[in-house]
PDB file of N, CA and C in Angstrom:
ATOM      1  N   MET A   1       3.868  25.478  15.688  1.00  0.00           N
ATOM      2  CA  MET A   1       3.866  25.141  14.657  1.00  0.00           C
ATOM      3  C   MET A   1       3.699  23.597  15.230  1.00  0.00           C
ATOM      4  N   LYS A   2       2.528  23.160  13.974  1.00  0.00           N
ATOM      5  CA  LYS A   2       2.538  21.780  14.381  1.00  0.00           C
ATOM      6  C   LYS A   2       2.695  21.219  12.806  1.00  0.00           C
ATOM      7  N   PHE A   3       2.740  19.910  12.803  1.00  0.00           N
ATOM      8  CA  PHE A   3       3.021  19.053  11.688  1.00  0.00           C
ATOM      9  C   PHE A   3       2.095  17.444  12.224  1.00  0.00           C
ATOM     10  N   LYS A   4       1.889  17.191  10.913  1.00  0.00           N
ATOM     11  CA  LYS A   4       1.143  15.654  11.135  1.00  0.00           C
ATOM     12  C   LYS A   4       1.219  15.459   9.525  1.00  0.00           C
ATOM     13  N   PHE A   5       1.138  14.383   9.580  1.00  0.00           N
ATOM     14  CA  PHE A   5       1.477  13.455   8.116  1.00  0.00           C
ATOM     15  C   PHE A   5      -0.207  13.322   7.435  1.00  0.00           C
ATOM     16  N   ASP A   6      -0.543  13.774   6.281  1.00  0.00           N
ATOM     17  CA  ASP A   6      -1.035  13.767   5.493  1.00  0.00           C
ATOM     18  C   ASP A   6      -1.437  12.098   4.519  1.00  0.00           C
ATOM     19  N   HIS A   7      -0.107  12.298   3.819  1.00  0.00           N
ATOM     20  CA  HIS A   7      -0.353  10.848   2.524  1.00  0.00           C
ATOM     21  C   HIS A   7       1.466  10.610   2.384  1.00  0.00           C
ATOM     22  N   ASN A   8       1.613   9.671   1.842  1.00  0.00           N
ATOM     23  CA  ASN A   8       2.617   9.153   0.766  1.00  0.00           C
ATOM     24  C   ASN A   8       2.103   8.843  -0.288  1.00  0.00           C
ATOM     25  N   ASN A   9       3.048   8.937  -1.243  1.00  0.00           N
ATOM     26  CA  ASN A   9       3.054   8.508  -2.646  1.00  0.00           C
ATOM     27  C   ASN A   9       3.471   7.306  -2.936  1.00  0.00           C
ATOM     28  N   ILE A  10       3.415   6.646  -3.880  1.00  0.00           N
ATOM     29  CA  ILE A  10       3.838   5.706  -4.697  1.00  0.00           C
ATOM     30  C   ILE A  10       3.220   5.400  -6.259  1.00  0.00           C
ATOM     31  N   ASN A  11       4.077   4.947  -7.133  1.00  0.00           N
ATOM     32  CA  ASN A  11       3.590   5.378  -8.306  1.00  0.00           C
ATOM     33  C   ASN A  11       3.626   3.782  -8.755  1.00  0.00           C
ATOM     34  N   VAL A  12       2.617   3.656  -9.720  1.00  0.00           N
ATOM     35  CA  VAL A  12       2.071   2.129  -9.764  1.00  0.00           C
ATOM     36  C   VAL A  12       1.583   1.829 -11.473  1.00  0.00           C
ATOM     37  N   LEU A  13       2.081   0.233 -11.825  1.00  0.00           N
ATOM     38  CA  LEU A  13       1.676   0.720 -13.113  1.00  0.00           C
ATOM     39  C   LEU A  13       0.562   0.410 -13.665  1.00  0.00           C
ATOM     40  N   ASP A  14      -0.150  -0.043 -12.879  1.00  0.00           N
ATOM     41  CA  ASP A  14      -2.309  -0.540 -13.143  1.00  0.00           C
ATOM     42  C   ASP A  14      -2.815  -0.225 -11.974  1.00  0.00           C
ATOM     43  N   LEU A  15      -3.392   0.701 -11.876  1.00  0.00           N
ATOM     44  CA  LEU A  15      -4.146   1.322 -10.937  1.00  0.00           C
ATOM     45  C   LEU A  15      -5.123   0.763 -10.303  1.00  0.00           C
ATOM     46  N   GLU A  16      -5.622   0.021 -11.148  1.00  0.00           N
ATOM     47  CA  GLU A  16      -7.087  -0.559 -10.921  1.00  0.00           C
ATOM     48  C   GLU A  16      -6.382  -1.678 -10.135  1.00  0.00           C
ATOM     49  N   ARG A  17      -5.180  -1.953 -10.472  1.00  0.00           N
ATOM     50  CA  ARG A  17      -4.917  -3.412  -9.896  1.00  0.00           C
ATOM     51  C   ARG A  17      -4.610  -3.134  -8.920  1.00  0.00           C
ATOM     52  N   SER A  18      -3.471  -2.335  -8.228  1.00  0.00           N
ATOM     53  CA  SER A  18      -2.946  -1.657  -7.360  1.00  0.00           C
ATOM     54  C   SER A  18      -4.100  -1.545  -6.044  1.00  0.00           C
ATOM     55  N   VAL A  19      -5.124  -0.668  -6.530  1.00  0.00           N
ATOM     56  CA  VAL A  19      -6.175   0.040  -5.734  1.00  0.00           C
ATOM     57  C   VAL A  19      -7.017  -1.357  -5.385  1.00  0.00           C
ATOM     58  N   ASN A  20      -7.218  -2.110  -6.233  1.00  0.00           N
ATOM     59  CA  ASN A  20      -8.229  -3.612  -5.787  1.00  0.00           C
ATOM     60  C   ASN A  20      -6.955  -4.243  -4.569  1.00  0.00           C
ATOM     61  N   PHE A  21      -5.842  -4.150  -5.211  1.00  0.00           N
ATOM     62  CA  PHE A  21      -4.851  -5.405  -3.519  1.00  0.00           C
ATOM     63  C   PHE A  21      -4.985  -4.283  -2.167  1.00  0.00           C
ATOM     64  N   TYR A  22      -4.787  -2.987  -2.504  1.00  0.00           N
ATOM     65  CA  TYR A  22      -5.150  -2.279  -1.157  1.00  0.00           C
ATOM     66  C   TYR A  22      -6.662  -2.271  -0.811  1.00  0.00           C
ATOM     67  N   LYS A  23      -7.231  -2.982  -1.363  1.00  0.00           N
ATOM     68  CA  LYS A  23      -8.687  -2.550  -1.000  1.00  0.00           C
ATOM     69  C   LYS A  23      -8.677  -4.253   0.000  1.00  0.00           C
ATOM     70  N   GLU A  24      -8.562  -5.232  -0.667  1.00  0.00           N
ATOM     71  CA  GLU A  24      -8.636  -6.803  -0.544  1.00  0.00           C
ATOM     72  C   GLU A  24      -7.305  -7.169   0.412  1.00  0.00           C
ATOM     73  N   ALA A  25      -6.449  -6.544   0.722  1.00  0.00           N
ATOM     74  CA  ALA A  25      -5.371  -7.086   1.323  1.00  0.00           C
ATOM     75  C   ALA A  25      -5.451  -5.921   2.878  1.00  0.00           C
ATOM     76  N   LEU A  26      -5.773  -4.878   2.902  1.00  0.00           N
ATOM     77  CA  LEU A  26      -5.949  -4.239   4.067  1.00  0.00           C
ATOM     78  C   LEU A  26      -6.948  -3.711   4.278  1.00  0.00           C
ATOM     79  N   GLY A  27      -8.228  -3.358   3.348  1.00  0.00           N
ATOM     80  CA  GLY A  27      -9.399  -2.592   3.804  1.00  0.00           C
ATOM     81  C   GLY A  27      -9.104  -1.473   3.489  1.00  0.00           C
ATOM     82  N   PHE A  28      -8.238  -0.766   2.662  1.00  0.00           N
ATOM     83  CA  PHE A  28      -8.240   0.362   2.698  1.00  0.00           C
ATOM     84  C   PHE A  28      -9.769   0.840   1.265  1.00  0.00           C
ATOM     85  N   GLN A  29      -9.892   1.917   1.726  1.00  0.00           N
ATOM     86  CA  GLN A  29     -10.813   2.624   0.856  1.00  0.00           C
ATOM     87  C   GLN A  29     -10.662   3.534   0.022  1.00  0.00           C
ATOM     88  N   GLU A  30     -10.658   3.937  -1.594  1.00  0.00           N
ATOM     89  CA  GLU A  30     -10.665   4.978  -1.946  1.00  0.00           C
ATOM     90  C   GLU A  30     -11.689   6.087  -1.512  1.00  0.00           C
ATOM     91  N   VAL A  31     -10.583   7.318  -1.780  1.00  0.00           N
ATOM     92  CA  VAL A  31     -11.622   8.088  -0.541  1.00  0.00           C
ATOM     93  C   VAL A  31     -11.618   9.434  -1.832  1.00  0.00           C
ATOM     94  N   LYS A  32     -10.594   9.634  -2.755  1.00  0.00           N
ATOM     95  CA  LYS A  32     -10.981  10.802  -3.734  1.00  0.00           C
ATOM     96  C   LYS A  32      -9.503  10.088  -5.038  1.00  0.00           C
ATOM     97  N   ARG A  33     -10.147  10.579  -6.174  1.00  0.00           N
ATOM     98  CA  ARG A  33      -9.484  10.273  -7.415  1.00  0.00           C
ATOM     99  C   ARG A  33      -9.110  11.715  -7.861  1.00  0.00           C
ATOM    100  N   HIS A  34      -8.479  11.782  -8.623  1.00  0.00           N
ATOM    101  CA  HIS A  34      -8.071  13.271  -9.753  1.00  0.00           C
ATOM    102  C   HIS A  34      -7.363  13.078 -10.912  1.00  0.00           C
ATOM    103  N   HIS A  35      -7.872  12.954 -11.756  1.00  0.00           N
ATOM    104  CA  HIS A  35      -7.389  12.759 -13.438  1.00  0.00           C
ATOM    105  C   HIS A  35      -6.556  14.488 -13.600  1.00  0.00           C
ATOM    106  N   SER A  36      -5.789  14.021 -13.924  1.00  0.00           N
ATOM    107  CA  SER A  36      -5.431  15.517 -15.409  1.00  0.00           C
ATOM    108  C   SER A  36      -5.852  16.175 -16.365  1.00  0.00           C
ATOM    109  N   SER A  37      -6.359  17.191 -16.703  1.00  0.00           N
ATOM    110  CA  SER A  37      -6.700  17.386 -17.762  1.00  0.00           C
ATOM    111  C   SER A  37      -6.373  17.142 -19.315  1.00  0.00           C
ATOM    112  N   ASP A  38      -4.849  16.829 -19.303  1.00  0.00           N
ATOM    113  CA  ASP A  38      -4.404  16.295 -20.355  1.00  0.00           C
ATOM    114  C   ASP A  38      -4.283  14.780 -20.611  1.00  0.00           C
ATOM    115  N   GLY A  39      -4.969  13.924 -19.483  1.00  0.00           N
ATOM    116  CA  GLY A  39      -4.839  12.119 -18.987  1.00  0.00           C
ATOM    117  C   GLY A  39      -3.149  11.650 -19.132  1.00  0.00           C
ATOM    118  N   SER A  40      -2.562  12.406 -18.398  1.00  0.00           N
ATOM    119  CA  SER A  40      -1.137  12.248 -18.272  1.00  0.00           C
ATOM    120  C   SER A  40      -0.854  11.371 -16.774  1.00  0.00           C
ATOM    121  N   PHE A  41      -2.160  11.712 -16.626  1.00  0.00           N
ATOM    122  CA  PHE A  41      -2.054  10.833 -14.870  1.00  0.00           C
ATOM    123  C   PHE A  41      -3.097  10.824 -14.261  1.00  0.00           C
ATOM    124  N   ILE A  42      -3.487   9.755 -13.429  1.00  0.00           N
ATOM    125  CA  ILE A  42      -4.175   9.658 -12.034  1.00  0.00           C
ATOM    126  C   ILE A  42      -4.131   9.531 -11.060  1.00  0.00           C
ATOM    127  N   LEU A  43      -4.503  10.211  -9.978  1.00  0.00           N
ATOM    128  CA  LEU A  43      -4.023   9.794  -8.519  1.00  0.00           C
ATOM    129  C   LEU A  43      -5.250   9.279  -7.994  1.00  0.00           C
ATOM    130  N   ALA A  44      -4.973   8.451  -7.299  1.00  0.00           N
ATOM    131  CA  ALA A  44      -5.987   7.906  -6.214  1.00  0.00           C
ATOM    132  C   ALA A  44      -5.505   7.680  -4.663  1.00  0.00           C
ATOM    133  N   PHE A  45      -6.346   8.162  -4.002  1.00  0.00           N
ATOM    134  CA  PHE A  45      -6.295   8.498  -2.602  1.00  0.00           C
ATOM    135  C   PHE A  45      -6.953   7.493  -1.757  1.00  0.00           C
ATOM    136  N   LEU A  46      -6.148   6.191  -0.814  1.00  0.00           N
ATOM    137  CA  LEU A  46      -7.105   5.335  -0.582  1.00  0.00           C
ATOM    138  C   LEU A  46      -6.562   5.535   1.393  1.00  0.00           C
ATOM    139  N   LYS A  47      -7.399   5.061   2.359  1.00  0.00           N
ATOM    140  CA  LYS A  47      -6.897   4.868   3.539  1.00  0.00           C
ATOM    141  C   LYS A  47      -7.629   4.320   4.554  1.00  0.00           C
ATOM    142  N   GLY A  48      -7.140   3.441   5.587  1.00  0.00           N
ATOM    143  CA  GLY A  48      -8.059   2.499   6.337  1.00  0.00           C
ATOM    144  C   GLY A  48      -8.922   3.616   7.040  1.00  0.00           C
ATOM    145  N   SER A  49     -10.108   2.075   7.983  1.00  0.00           N
ATOM    146  CA  SER A  49     -11.051   3.190   8.230  1.00  0.00           C
ATOM    147  C   SER A  49     -10.648   3.760   9.893  1.00  0.00           C
ATOM    148  N   GLU A  50      -9.480   3.493  10.621  1.00  0.00           N
ATOM    149  CA  GLU A  50      -9.456   3.808  11.404  1.00  0.00           C
ATOM    150  C   GLU A  50      -8.141   5.272  11.232  1.00  0.00           C
ATOM    151  N   ALA A  51      -7.619   5.359   9.993  1.00  0.00           N
ATOM    152  CA  ALA A  51      -7.003   6.586   9.673  1.00  0.00           C
ATOM    153  C   ALA A  51      -7.185   7.998   9.261  1.00  0.00           C
ATOM    154  N   GLU A  52      -6.444   8.670   9.585  1.00  0.00           N
ATOM    155  CA  GLU A  52      -6.207   9.602   8.982  1.00  0.00           C
ATOM    156  C   GLU A  52      -5.372   9.995   7.608  1.00  0.00           C
ATOM    157  N   HIS A  53      -4.281   9.155   7.824  1.00  0.00           N
ATOM    158  CA  HIS A  53      -3.283   9.307   6.833  1.00  0.00           C
ATOM    159  C   HIS A  53      -3.694   8.513   5.303  1.00  0.00           C
ATOM    160  N   MET A  54      -3.539   8.728   4.356  1.00  0.00           N
ATOM    161  CA  MET A  54      -3.267   8.048   3.290  1.00  0.00           C
ATOM    162  C   MET A  54      -2.236   7.804   2.387  1.00  0.00           C
ATOM    163  N   ILE A  55      -2.485   6.921   1.595  1.00  0.00           N
ATOM    164  CA  ILE A  55      -1.404   6.470   0.707  1.00  0.00           C
ATOM    165  C   ILE A  55      -1.991   6.939  -0.685  1.00  0.00           C
ATOM    166  N   GLU A  56      -1.093   7.718  -1.489  1.00  0.00           N
ATOM    167  CA  GLU A  56      -1.492   8.447  -2.687  1.00  0.00           C
ATOM    168  C   GLU A  56      -1.260   7.209  -3.975  1.00  0.00           C
ATOM    169  N   LEU A  57      -1.642   6.751  -4.787  1.00  0.00           N
ATOM    170  CA  LEU A  57      -1.338   6.045  -5.764  1.00  0.00           C
ATOM    171  C   LEU A  57      -1.127   6.744  -6.741  1.00  0.00           C
ATOM    172  N   THR A  58      -0.641   6.674  -8.094  1.00  0.00           N
ATOM    173  CA  THR A  58       0.115   7.725  -9.335  1.00  0.00           C
ATOM    174  C   THR A  58       0.129   6.937 -10.187  1.00  0.00           C
ATOM    175  N   TRP A  59      -0.424   6.960 -11.333  1.00  0.00           N
ATOM    176  CA  TRP A  59      -0.607   5.980 -12.419  1.00  0.00           C
ATOM    177  C   TRP A  59      -0.374   7.507 -13.159  1.00  0.00           C
ATOM    178  N   LEU A  60       0.946   7.021 -14.275  1.00  0.00           N
ATOM    179  CA  LEU A  60       1.420   7.611 -15.500  1.00  0.00           C
ATOM    180  C   LEU A  60       1.363   6.678 -17.051  1.00  0.00           C
ATOM    181  N   ARG A  61       0.740   7.758 -17.278  1.00  0.00           N
ATOM    182  CA  ARG A  61      -0.072   7.316 -18.708  1.00  0.00           C
ATOM    183  C   ARG A  61       0.986   6.774 -19.198  1.00  0.00           C
ATOM    184  N   ASP A  62       2.224   7.539 -19.681  1.00  0.00           N
ATOM    185  CA  ASP A  62       3.437   7.173 -20.504  1.00  0.00           C
ATOM    186  C   ASP A  62       4.276   5.967 -19.901  1.00  0.00           C
ATOM    187  N   ARG A  63       3.840   5.558 -19.233  1.00  0.00           N
ATOM    188  CA  ARG A  63       5.098   4.576 -18.088  1.00  0.00           C
ATOM    189  C   ARG A  63       4.587   3.260 -18.292  1.00  0.00           C
ATOM    190  N   LYS A  64       5.562   2.355 -18.811  1.00  0.00           N
ATOM    191  CA  LYS A  64       5.374   0.872 -19.119  1.00  0.00           C
ATOM    192  C   LYS A  64       6.202   0.419 -18.846  1.00  0.00           C
ATOM    193  N   GLU A  65       7.766   0.632 -18.146  1.00  0.00           N
ATOM    194  CA  GLU A  65       8.371  -0.369 -17.404  1.00  0.00           C
ATOM    195  C   GLU A  65       8.377  -0.281 -16.190  1.00  0.00           C
ATOM    196  N   PRO A  66       8.604  -1.324 -15.381  1.00  0.00           N
ATOM    197  CA  PRO A  66       8.569  -1.570 -14.029  1.00  0.00           C
ATOM    198  C   PRO A  66       9.512  -0.545 -13.423  1.00  0.00           C
ATOM    199  N   TYR A  67       8.975   0.022 -12.149  1.00  0.00           N
ATOM    200  CA  TYR A  67       9.762   0.947 -11.508  1.00  0.00           C
ATOM    201  C   TYR A  67      11.090   0.299 -10.435  1.00  0.00           C
ATOM    202  N   ASN A  68      11.923   1.208 -10.623  1.00  0.00           N
ATOM    203  CA  ASN A  68      13.060   0.405  -9.972  1.00  0.00           C
ATOM    204  C   ASN A  68      13.069   0.871  -8.170  1.00  0.00           C
ATOM    205  N   LEU A  69      12.644  -0.516  -7.538  1.00  0.00           N
ATOM    206  CA  LEU A  69      12.504   0.174  -6.235  1.00  0.00           C
ATOM    207  C   LEU A  69      13.646   0.218  -5.459  1.00  0.00           C
ATOM    208  N   GLY A  70      15.169   0.010  -6.274  1.00  0.00           N
ATOM    209  CA  GLY A  70      16.615  -0.028  -5.509  1.00  0.00           C
ATOM    210  C   GLY A  70      16.353  -1.404  -4.462  1.00  0.00           C
ATOM    211  N   ASP A  71      16.992  -1.116  -3.406  1.00  0.00           N
ATOM    212  CA  ASP A  71      16.988  -2.037  -2.379  1.00  0.00           C
ATOM    213  C   ASP A  71      15.443  -2.514  -1.778  1.00  0.00           C
ATOM    214  N   ASN A  72      14.744  -1.484  -1.784  1.00  0.00           N
ATOM    215  CA  ASN A  72      13.469  -2.070  -0.824  1.00  0.00           C
ATOM    216  C   ASN A  72      13.486  -1.765   0.854  1.00  0.00           C
ATOM    217  N   GLU A  73      15.005  -0.800   1.054  1.00  0.00           N
ATOM    218  CA  GLU A  73      14.374  -0.992   2.439  1.00  0.00           C
ATOM    219  C   GLU A  73      12.915   0.075   2.727  1.00  0.00           C
ATOM    220  N   ILE A  74      12.671   0.782   1.909  1.00  0.00           N
ATOM    221  CA  ILE A  74      11.530   1.650   2.176  1.00  0.00           C
ATOM    222  C   ILE A  74      10.282   1.183   2.446  1.00  0.00           C
ATOM    223  N   HIS A  75       9.471   1.231   3.472  1.00  0.00           N
ATOM    224  CA  HIS A  75       8.172   0.514   3.421  1.00  0.00           C
ATOM    225  C   HIS A  75       7.519   1.382   4.031  1.00  0.00           C
ATOM    226  N   MET A  76       5.847   0.889   4.079  1.00  0.00           N
ATOM    227  CA  MET A  76       4.949   1.897   4.913  1.00  0.00           C
ATOM    228  C   MET A  76       4.907   0.548   6.455  1.00  0.00           C
ATOM    229  N   ALA A  77       4.413   0.928   7.042  1.00  0.00           N
ATOM    230  CA  ALA A  77       3.757   0.153   8.662  1.00  0.00           C
ATOM    231  C   ALA A  77       2.301   0.032   8.507  1.00  0.00           C
ATOM    232  N   VAL A  78       1.583  -1.002   8.799  1.00  0.00           N
ATOM    233  CA  VAL A  78       0.181  -1.303   9.168  1.00  0.00           C
ATOM    234  C   VAL A  78       0.213  -1.993  10.750  1.00  0.00           C
ATOM    235  N   LYS A  79      -0.963  -1.112  11.582  1.00  0.00           N
ATOM    236  CA  LYS A  79      -0.858  -1.965  12.451  1.00  0.00           C
ATOM    237  C   LYS A  79      -2.327  -2.736  12.366  1.00  0.00           C
ATOM    238  N   THR A  80      -2.394  -3.904  12.988  1.00  0.00           N
ATOM    239  CA  THR A  80      -3.653  -4.656  12.480  1.00  0.00           C
ATOM    240  C   THR A  80      -4.201  -5.172  14.236  1.00  0.00           C
ATOM    241  N   ASP A  81      -5.688  -5.019  13.985  1.00  0.00           N
ATOM    242  CA  ASP A  81      -6.120  -5.979  15.817  1.00  0.00           C
ATOM    243  C   ASP A  81      -6.168  -7.253  15.411  1.00  0.00           C
ATOM    244  N   ASP A  82      -6.212  -7.571  14.006  1.00  0.00           N
ATOM    245  CA  ASP A  82      -6.484  -9.343  14.060  1.00  0.00           C
ATOM    246  C   ASP A  82      -5.379  -9.999  13.404  1.00  0.00           C
ATOM    247  N   PHE A  83      -3.954  -9.831  13.715  1.00  0.00           N
ATOM    248  CA  PHE A  83      -3.049  -9.948  13.232  1.00  0.00           C
ATOM    249  C   PHE A  83      -2.513 -11.446  12.949  1.00  0.00           C
ATOM    250  N   ASN A  84      -3.102 -12.850  13.418  1.00  0.00           N
ATOM    251  CA  ASN A  84      -3.544 -13.923  12.950  1.00  0.00           C
ATOM    252  C   ASN A  84      -4.178 -13.849  11.480  1.00  0.00           C
ATOM    253  N   GLY A  85      -5.496 -13.201  11.818  1.00  0.00           N
ATOM    254  CA  GLY A  85      -6.283 -13.062  11.036  1.00  0.00           C
ATOM    255  C   GLY A  85      -5.369 -12.770   9.361  1.00  0.00           C
ATOM    256  N   ALA A  86      -5.165 -11.603   9.757  1.00  0.00           N
ATOM    257  CA  ALA A  86      -4.487 -10.877   8.340  1.00  0.00           C
ATOM    258  C   ALA A  86      -3.627 -11.769   7.834  1.00  0.00           C
ATOM    259  N   TYR A  87      -2.599 -12.584   8.717  1.00  0.00           N
ATOM    260  CA  TYR A  87      -1.303 -13.373   8.367  1.00  0.00           C
ATOM    261  C   TYR A  87      -2.154 -14.776   7.432  1.00  0.00           C
ATOM    262  N   LYS A  88      -3.237 -15.094   7.993  1.00  0.00           N
ATOM    263  CA  LYS A  88      -4.290 -16.170   6.807  1.00  0.00           C
ATOM    264  C   LYS A  88      -4.311 -15.912   5.839  1.00  0.00           C
ATOM    265  N   LYS A  89      -4.748 -14.190   5.984  1.00  0.00           N
ATOM    266  CA  LYS A  89      -5.339 -13.645   4.223  1.00  0.00           C
ATOM    267  C   LYS A  89      -4.519 -13.495   3.835  1.00  0.00           C
ATOM    268  N   HIS A  90      -2.891 -12.815   4.429  1.00  0.00           N
ATOM    269  CA  HIS A  90      -2.513 -12.602   3.384  1.00  0.00           C
ATOM    270  C   HIS A  90      -1.468 -13.906   2.876  1.00  0.00           C
ATOM    271  N   LYS A  91      -1.268 -15.039   4.107  1.00  0.00           N
ATOM    272  CA  LYS A  91      -0.840 -16.059   3.315  1.00  0.00           C
ATOM    273  C   LYS A  91      -2.105 -16.895   2.170  1.00  0.00           C
ATOM    274  N   ASP A  92      -2.911 -16.816   2.187  1.00  0.00           N
ATOM    275  CA  ASP A  92      -3.880 -17.436   1.260  1.00  0.00           C
ATOM    276  C   ASP A  92      -3.647 -16.353  -0.157  1.00  0.00           C
ATOM    277  N   MET A  93      -3.949 -14.978  -0.114  1.00  0.00           N
ATOM    278  CA  MET A  93      -3.259 -14.203  -1.071  1.00  0.00           C
ATOM    279  C   MET A  93      -1.745 -14.578  -2.006  1.00  0.00           C
ATOM    280  N   GLY A  94      -0.991 -15.073  -0.941  1.00  0.00           N
ATOM    281  CA  GLY A  94       0.447 -15.020  -1.622  1.00  0.00           C
ATOM    282  C   GLY A  94       1.187 -14.262  -1.828  1.00  0.00           C
ATOM    283  N   CYS A  95       0.653 -12.865  -0.897  1.00  0.00           N
ATOM    284  CA  CYS A  95       1.711 -11.655  -1.066  1.00  0.00           C
ATOM    285  C   CYS A  95       2.481 -11.407   0.240  1.00  0.00           C
ATOM    286  N   ILE A  96       2.856 -12.613   1.335  1.00  0.00           N
ATOM    287  CA  ILE A  96       3.591 -12.298   2.239  1.00  0.00           C
ATOM    288  C   ILE A  96       5.417 -12.418   1.395  1.00  0.00           C
ATOM    289  N   CYS A  97       6.143 -11.401   1.738  1.00  0.00           N
ATOM    290  CA  CYS A  97       7.204 -11.540   0.883  1.00  0.00           C
ATOM    291  C   CYS A  97       8.420 -11.580   2.034  1.00  0.00           C
ATOM    292  N   TYR A  98       8.596 -11.333   3.227  1.00  0.00           N
ATOM    293  CA  TYR A  98       9.403 -11.417   4.118  1.00  0.00           C
ATOM    294  C   TYR A  98       8.567 -11.804   5.576  1.00  0.00           C
ATOM    295  N   GLU A  99       9.028 -12.698   6.679  1.00  0.00           N
ATOM    296  CA  GLU A  99       8.569 -12.825   7.563  1.00  0.00           C
ATOM    297  C   GLU A  99      10.067 -12.692   8.775  1.00  0.00           C
ATOM    298  N   ASN A 100       9.448 -12.287   9.913  1.00  0.00           N
ATOM    299  CA  ASN A 100      10.428 -12.102  11.180  1.00  0.00           C
ATOM    300  C   ASN A 100       9.665 -12.387  12.164  1.00  0.00           C
ATOM    301  N   LYS A 101       9.620 -13.813  12.513  1.00  0.00           N
ATOM    302  CA  LYS A 101       8.730 -14.456  13.714  1.00  0.00           C
ATOM    303  C   LYS A 101       9.135 -13.802  15.018  1.00  0.00           C
ATOM    304  N   GLU A 102      10.826 -13.743  14.946  1.00  0.00           N
ATOM    305  CA  GLU A 102      11.473 -13.309  16.293  1.00  0.00           C
ATOM    306  C   GLU A 102      10.913 -11.785  16.527  1.00  0.00           C
ATOM    307  N   MET A 103      10.397 -11.091  16.045  1.00  0.00           N
ATOM    308  CA  MET A 103      10.246  -9.921  15.911  1.00  0.00           C
ATOM    309  C   MET A 103       8.726  -9.939  16.265  1.00  0.00           C
ATOM    310  N   GLY A 104       7.964 -11.011  15.502  1.00  0.00           N
ATOM    311  CA  GLY A 104       6.758 -10.877  15.661  1.00  0.00           C
ATOM    312  C   GLY A 104       5.927 -10.023  14.647  1.00  0.00           C
ATOM    313  N   LEU A 105       6.493  -9.929  13.763  1.00  0.00           N
ATOM    314  CA  LEU A 105       5.989  -9.357  12.252  1.00  0.00           C
ATOM    315  C   LEU A 105       6.552  -9.535  10.534  1.00  0.00           C
ATOM    316  N   TYR A 106       5.648  -9.529   9.779  1.00  0.00           N
ATOM    317  CA  TYR A 106       6.017  -9.691   8.383  1.00  0.00           C
ATOM    318  C   TYR A 106       5.648  -8.366   7.706  1.00  0.00           C
ATOM    319  N   PHE A 107       5.984  -8.687   6.410  1.00  0.00           N
ATOM    320  CA  PHE A 107       5.789  -7.924   4.997  1.00  0.00           C
ATOM    321  C   PHE A 107       4.774  -8.351   4.083  1.00  0.00           C
ATOM    322  N   ILE A 108       4.273  -7.868   3.689  1.00  0.00           N
ATOM    323  CA  ILE A 108       3.595  -8.253   2.041  1.00  0.00           C
ATOM    324  C   ILE A 108       3.928  -7.087   0.985  1.00  0.00           C
ATOM    325  N   ALA A 109       4.085  -7.667  -0.258  1.00  0.00           N
ATOM    326  CA  ALA A 109       4.642  -6.918  -1.344  1.00  0.00           C
ATOM    327  C   ALA A 109       3.214  -6.937  -2.109  1.00  0.00           C
ATOM    328  N   ASP A 110       2.604  -5.349  -2.593  1.00  0.00           N
ATOM    329  CA  ASP A 110       2.059  -5.451  -3.527  1.00  0.00           C
ATOM    330  C   ASP A 110       2.470  -5.454  -4.954  1.00  0.00           C
ATOM    331  N   PRO A 111       1.247  -5.522  -6.041  1.00  0.00           N
ATOM    332  CA  PRO A 111       1.650  -5.477  -7.536  1.00  0.00           C
ATOM    333  C   PRO A 111       2.727  -4.987  -8.150  1.00  0.00           C
ATOM    334  N   ASP A 112       3.537  -4.005  -7.402  1.00  0.00           N
ATOM    335  CA  ASP A 112       4.670  -3.271  -8.069  1.00  0.00           C
ATOM    336  C   ASP A 112       5.733  -3.488  -7.299  1.00  0.00           C
ATOM    337  N   GLY A 113       5.604  -4.658  -6.062  1.00  0.00           N
ATOM    338  CA  GLY A 113       6.922  -4.675  -5.317  1.00  0.00           C
ATOM    339  C   GLY A 113       6.852  -3.715  -4.264  1.00  0.00           C
ATOM    340  N   TYR A 114       6.071  -2.857  -3.877  1.00  0.00           N
ATOM    341  CA  TYR A 114       6.276  -2.113  -2.762  1.00  0.00           C
ATOM    342  C   TYR A 114       6.159  -2.893  -1.538  1.00  0.00           C
ATOM    343  N   TRP A 115       6.888  -2.924  -0.360  1.00  0.00           N
ATOM    344  CA  TRP A 115       6.323  -3.927   0.833  1.00  0.00           C
ATOM    345  C   TRP A 115       5.416  -2.646   1.738  1.00  0.00           C
ATOM    346  N   THR A 116       4.483  -3.290   2.649  1.00  0.00           N
ATOM    347  CA  THR A 116       4.110  -3.231   3.678  1.00  0.00           C
ATOM    348  C   THR A 116       4.239  -4.334   5.017  1.00  0.00           C
ATOM    349  N   GLU A 117       4.812  -3.019   6.225  1.00  0.00           N
ATOM    350  CA  GLU A 117       4.844  -4.179   7.425  1.00  0.00           C
ATOM    351  C   GLU A 117       4.008  -4.235   7.923  1.00  0.00           C
ATOM    352  N   MET A 118       3.350  -5.419   8.531  1.00  0.00           N
ATOM    353  CA  MET A 118       2.310  -5.715   8.918  1.00  0.00           C
ATOM    354  C   MET A 118       2.495  -5.998  10.560  1.00  0.00           C
ATOM    355  N   LEU A 119       2.138  -4.916  11.503  1.00  0.00           N
ATOM    356  CA  LEU A 119       2.289  -5.263  13.136  1.00  0.00           C
ATOM    357  C   LEU A 119       0.982  -5.255  14.013  1.00  0.00           C
ATOM    358  N   PRO A 120       1.291  -6.408  15.193  1.00  0.00           N
ATOM    359  CA  PRO A 120       0.196  -6.527  15.534  1.00  0.00           C
ATOM    360  C   PRO A 120      -0.356  -4.967  16.385  1.00  0.00           C
ATOM    361  N   VAL A 121      -1.546  -4.579  16.800  1.00  0.00           N
ATOM    362  CA  VAL A 121      -1.775  -3.543  18.061  1.00  0.00           C
ATOM    363  C   VAL A 121      -1.444  -4.097  19.428  1.00  0.00           C
ATOM    364  N   LYS A 122      -0.544  -3.478  20.152  1.00  0.00           N
ATOM    365  CA  LYS A 122      -0.407  -3.983  21.431  1.00  0.00           C
ATOM    366  C   LYS A 122      -0.657  -3.277  22.419  1.00  0.00           C
TER     367      LYS A 122
END
């Protein structure tokens, strides 16, 4: 038996804002979208050019209040071949939420407060 990751899901309040964030911040592209037959939810799947693994953004029509992310210890991690360029871009975007220079990494936060760890390719 073999297993591999396919996707992770996060729920978002404003689907287009979140899709645009992941496009701008990480270069992810939307690869498919599903609209429920009753209009109650939309799923958007995005991935990076070098990855098979996707992130699924779920928008729920009736959700109006922000999601409770708890202590926000759960996060995604992304590697980049241009760590310094990515850092500058994210600094300019104002989305860096935590830095650990000793470990050589930082985190960005999306519009809903989800964190993505940024790592250099080594």
